[in-house]
C-alpha atoms as a PDB file:
ATOM      1  CA  MET A   1     -17.194-166.656 107.898  1.00  0.00           C
ATOM      2  CA  ALA A   2     -20.064-168.961 107.028  1.00  0.00           C
ATOM      3  CA  GLY A   3     -19.767-170.353 103.536  1.00  0.00           C
ATOM      4  CA  ALA A   4     -17.829-169.229 100.491  1.00  0.00           C
ATOM      5  CA  SER A   5     -14.480-167.546 100.215  1.00  0.00           C
ATOM      6  CA  ARG A   6     -14.805-164.269  98.284  1.00  0.00           C
ATOM      7  CA  PRO A   7     -17.724-162.392  96.727  1.00  0.00           C
ATOM      8  CA  ASN A   8     -18.084-162.290  92.946  1.00  0.00           C
ATOM      9  CA  SER A   9     -18.484-158.968  91.106  1.00  0.00           C
ATOM     10  CA  LYS A  10     -22.283-158.899  91.509  1.00  0.00           C
ATOM     11  CA  GLU A  11     -21.993-159.606  95.235  1.00  0.00           C
ATOM     12  CA  LEU A  12     -19.301-156.933  95.629  1.00  0.00           C
ATOM     13  CA  LYS A  13     -21.653-154.430  93.966  1.00  0.00           C
ATOM     14  CA  VAL A  14     -24.240-155.204  96.645  1.00  0.00           C
ATOM     15  CA  LEU A  15     -21.742-155.011  99.525  1.00  0.00           C
ATOM     16  CA  ASN A  16     -20.347-151.694  98.295  1.00  0.00           C
ATOM     17  CA  HIS A  17     -23.864-150.253  98.010  1.00  0.00           C
ATOM     18  CA  PHE A  18     -24.479-150.161 101.772  1.00  0.00           C
ATOM     19  CA  SER A  19     -24.165-146.865 103.626  1.00  0.00           C
ATOM     20  CA  GLY A  20     -25.229-148.070 107.053  1.00  0.00           C
ATOM     21  CA  GLU A  21     -28.995-148.232 106.566  1.00  0.00           C
ATOM     22  CA  PRO A  22     -30.952-151.391 105.720  1.00  0.00           C
ATOM     23  CA  GLU A  23     -31.910-151.586 102.039  1.00  0.00           C
ATOM     24  CA  ALA A  24     -34.817-153.175 100.172  1.00  0.00           C
ATOM     25  CA  ALA A  25     -34.024-155.592  97.340  1.00  0.00           C
ATOM     26  CA  SER A  26     -35.220-152.996  94.815  1.00  0.00           C
ATOM     27  CA  ALA A  27     -32.421-150.608  95.880  1.00  0.00           C
ATOM     28  CA  PHE A  28     -29.691-152.726  94.305  1.00  0.00           C
ATOM     29  CA  GLY A  29     -30.736-152.273  90.689  1.00  0.00           C
ATOM     30  CA  LYS A  30     -31.036-154.482  87.658  1.00  0.00           C
ATOM     31  CA  GLY A  31     -29.476-157.913  87.852  1.00  0.00           C
ATOM     32  CA  ILE A  32     -29.545-158.137  91.644  1.00  0.00           C
ATOM     33  CA  GLY A  33     -32.482-160.260  92.715  1.00  0.00           C
ATOM     34  CA  GLU A  34     -33.732-162.369  95.564  1.00  0.00           C
ATOM     35  CA  LYS A  35     -31.537-165.323  94.512  1.00  0.00           C
ATOM     36  CA  THR A  36     -28.337-163.257  94.787  1.00  0.00           C
ATOM     37  CA  LEU A  37     -29.410-161.715  98.087  1.00  0.00           C
ATOM     38  CA  ALA A  38     -30.497-165.067  99.558  1.00  0.00           C
ATOM     39  CA  GLY A  39     -27.105-166.524  98.645  1.00  0.00           C
ATOM     40  CA  MET A  40     -25.359-163.655 100.388  1.00  0.00           C
ATOM     41  CA  VAL A  41     -27.494-164.182 103.503  1.00  0.00           C
ATOM     42  CA  ALA A  42     -26.550-167.885 103.438  1.00  0.00           C
ATOM     43  CA  LYS A  43     -22.858-166.926 103.203  1.00  0.00           C
ATOM     44  CA  GLY A  44     -23.234-164.637 106.228  1.00  0.00           C
ATOM     45  CA  TRP A  45     -22.495-161.399 104.319  1.00  0.00           C
ATOM     46  CA  LEU A  46     -26.009-159.958 104.705  1.00  0.00           C
ATOM     47  CA  SER A  47     -28.792-160.265 107.245  1.00  0.00           C
ATOM     48  CA  VAL A  48     -32.458-159.933 106.402  1.00  0.00           C
ATOM     49  CA  SER A  49     -35.284-158.478 108.474  1.00  0.00           C
ATOM     50  CA  PHE A  50     -38.754-157.043 107.974  1.00  0.00           C
ATOM     51  CA  ASP A  51     -39.217-153.270 108.103  1.00  0.00           C
ATOM     52  CA  ARG A  52     -42.671-152.650 109.581  1.00  0.00           C
ATOM     53  CA  ILE A  53     -42.731-149.028 108.439  1.00  0.00           C
ATOM     54  CA  ARG A  54     -41.893-149.782 104.810  1.00  0.00           C
ATOM     55  CA  GLN A  55     -43.746-153.113 104.950  1.00  0.00           C
ATOM     56  CA  GLU A  56     -40.985-154.996 103.126  1.00  0.00           C
ATOM     57  CA  GLN A  57     -37.943-157.157 103.657  1.00  0.00           C
ATOM     58  CA  VAL A  58     -34.712-155.239 104.070  1.00  0.00           C
ATOM     59  CA  TYR A  59     -31.074-156.325 103.997  1.00  0.00           C
ATOM     60  CA  SER A  60     -28.161-155.169 106.144  1.00  0.00           C
ATOM     61  CA  ILE A  61     -24.470-155.837 105.716  1.00  0.00           C
ATOM     62  CA  THR A  62     -22.877-157.972 108.426  1.00  0.00           C
ATOM     63  CA  ALA A  63     -19.359-157.751 109.847  1.00  0.00           C
ATOM     64  CA  ALA A  64     -18.401-160.665 107.567  1.00  0.00           C
ATOM     65  CA  GLY A  65     -19.686-158.737 104.534  1.00  0.00           C
ATOM     66  CA  GLN A  66     -18.046-155.525 105.702  1.00  0.00           C
ATOM     67  CA  ALA A  67     -14.685-157.298 105.592  1.00  0.00           C
ATOM     68  CA  PHE A  68     -14.854-157.188 101.757  1.00  0.00           C
ATOM     69  CA  VAL A  69     -15.687-153.494 101.456  1.00  0.00           C
END
């Protein structure tokens, strides 16, 4: 696992939100912003890509992130 040991409560909220489909940052609700998501990408818990249909960045949970769910 790249980076930190265990997710905090905000990060766990994000990880538990995933249902298999990539999600836009706006899907995570109040208090979850780009800084939180970028940190989770840096830790290897999320990956980020660009959805050409929705025309926005989307996040997906990685195997490392799935280990905490």
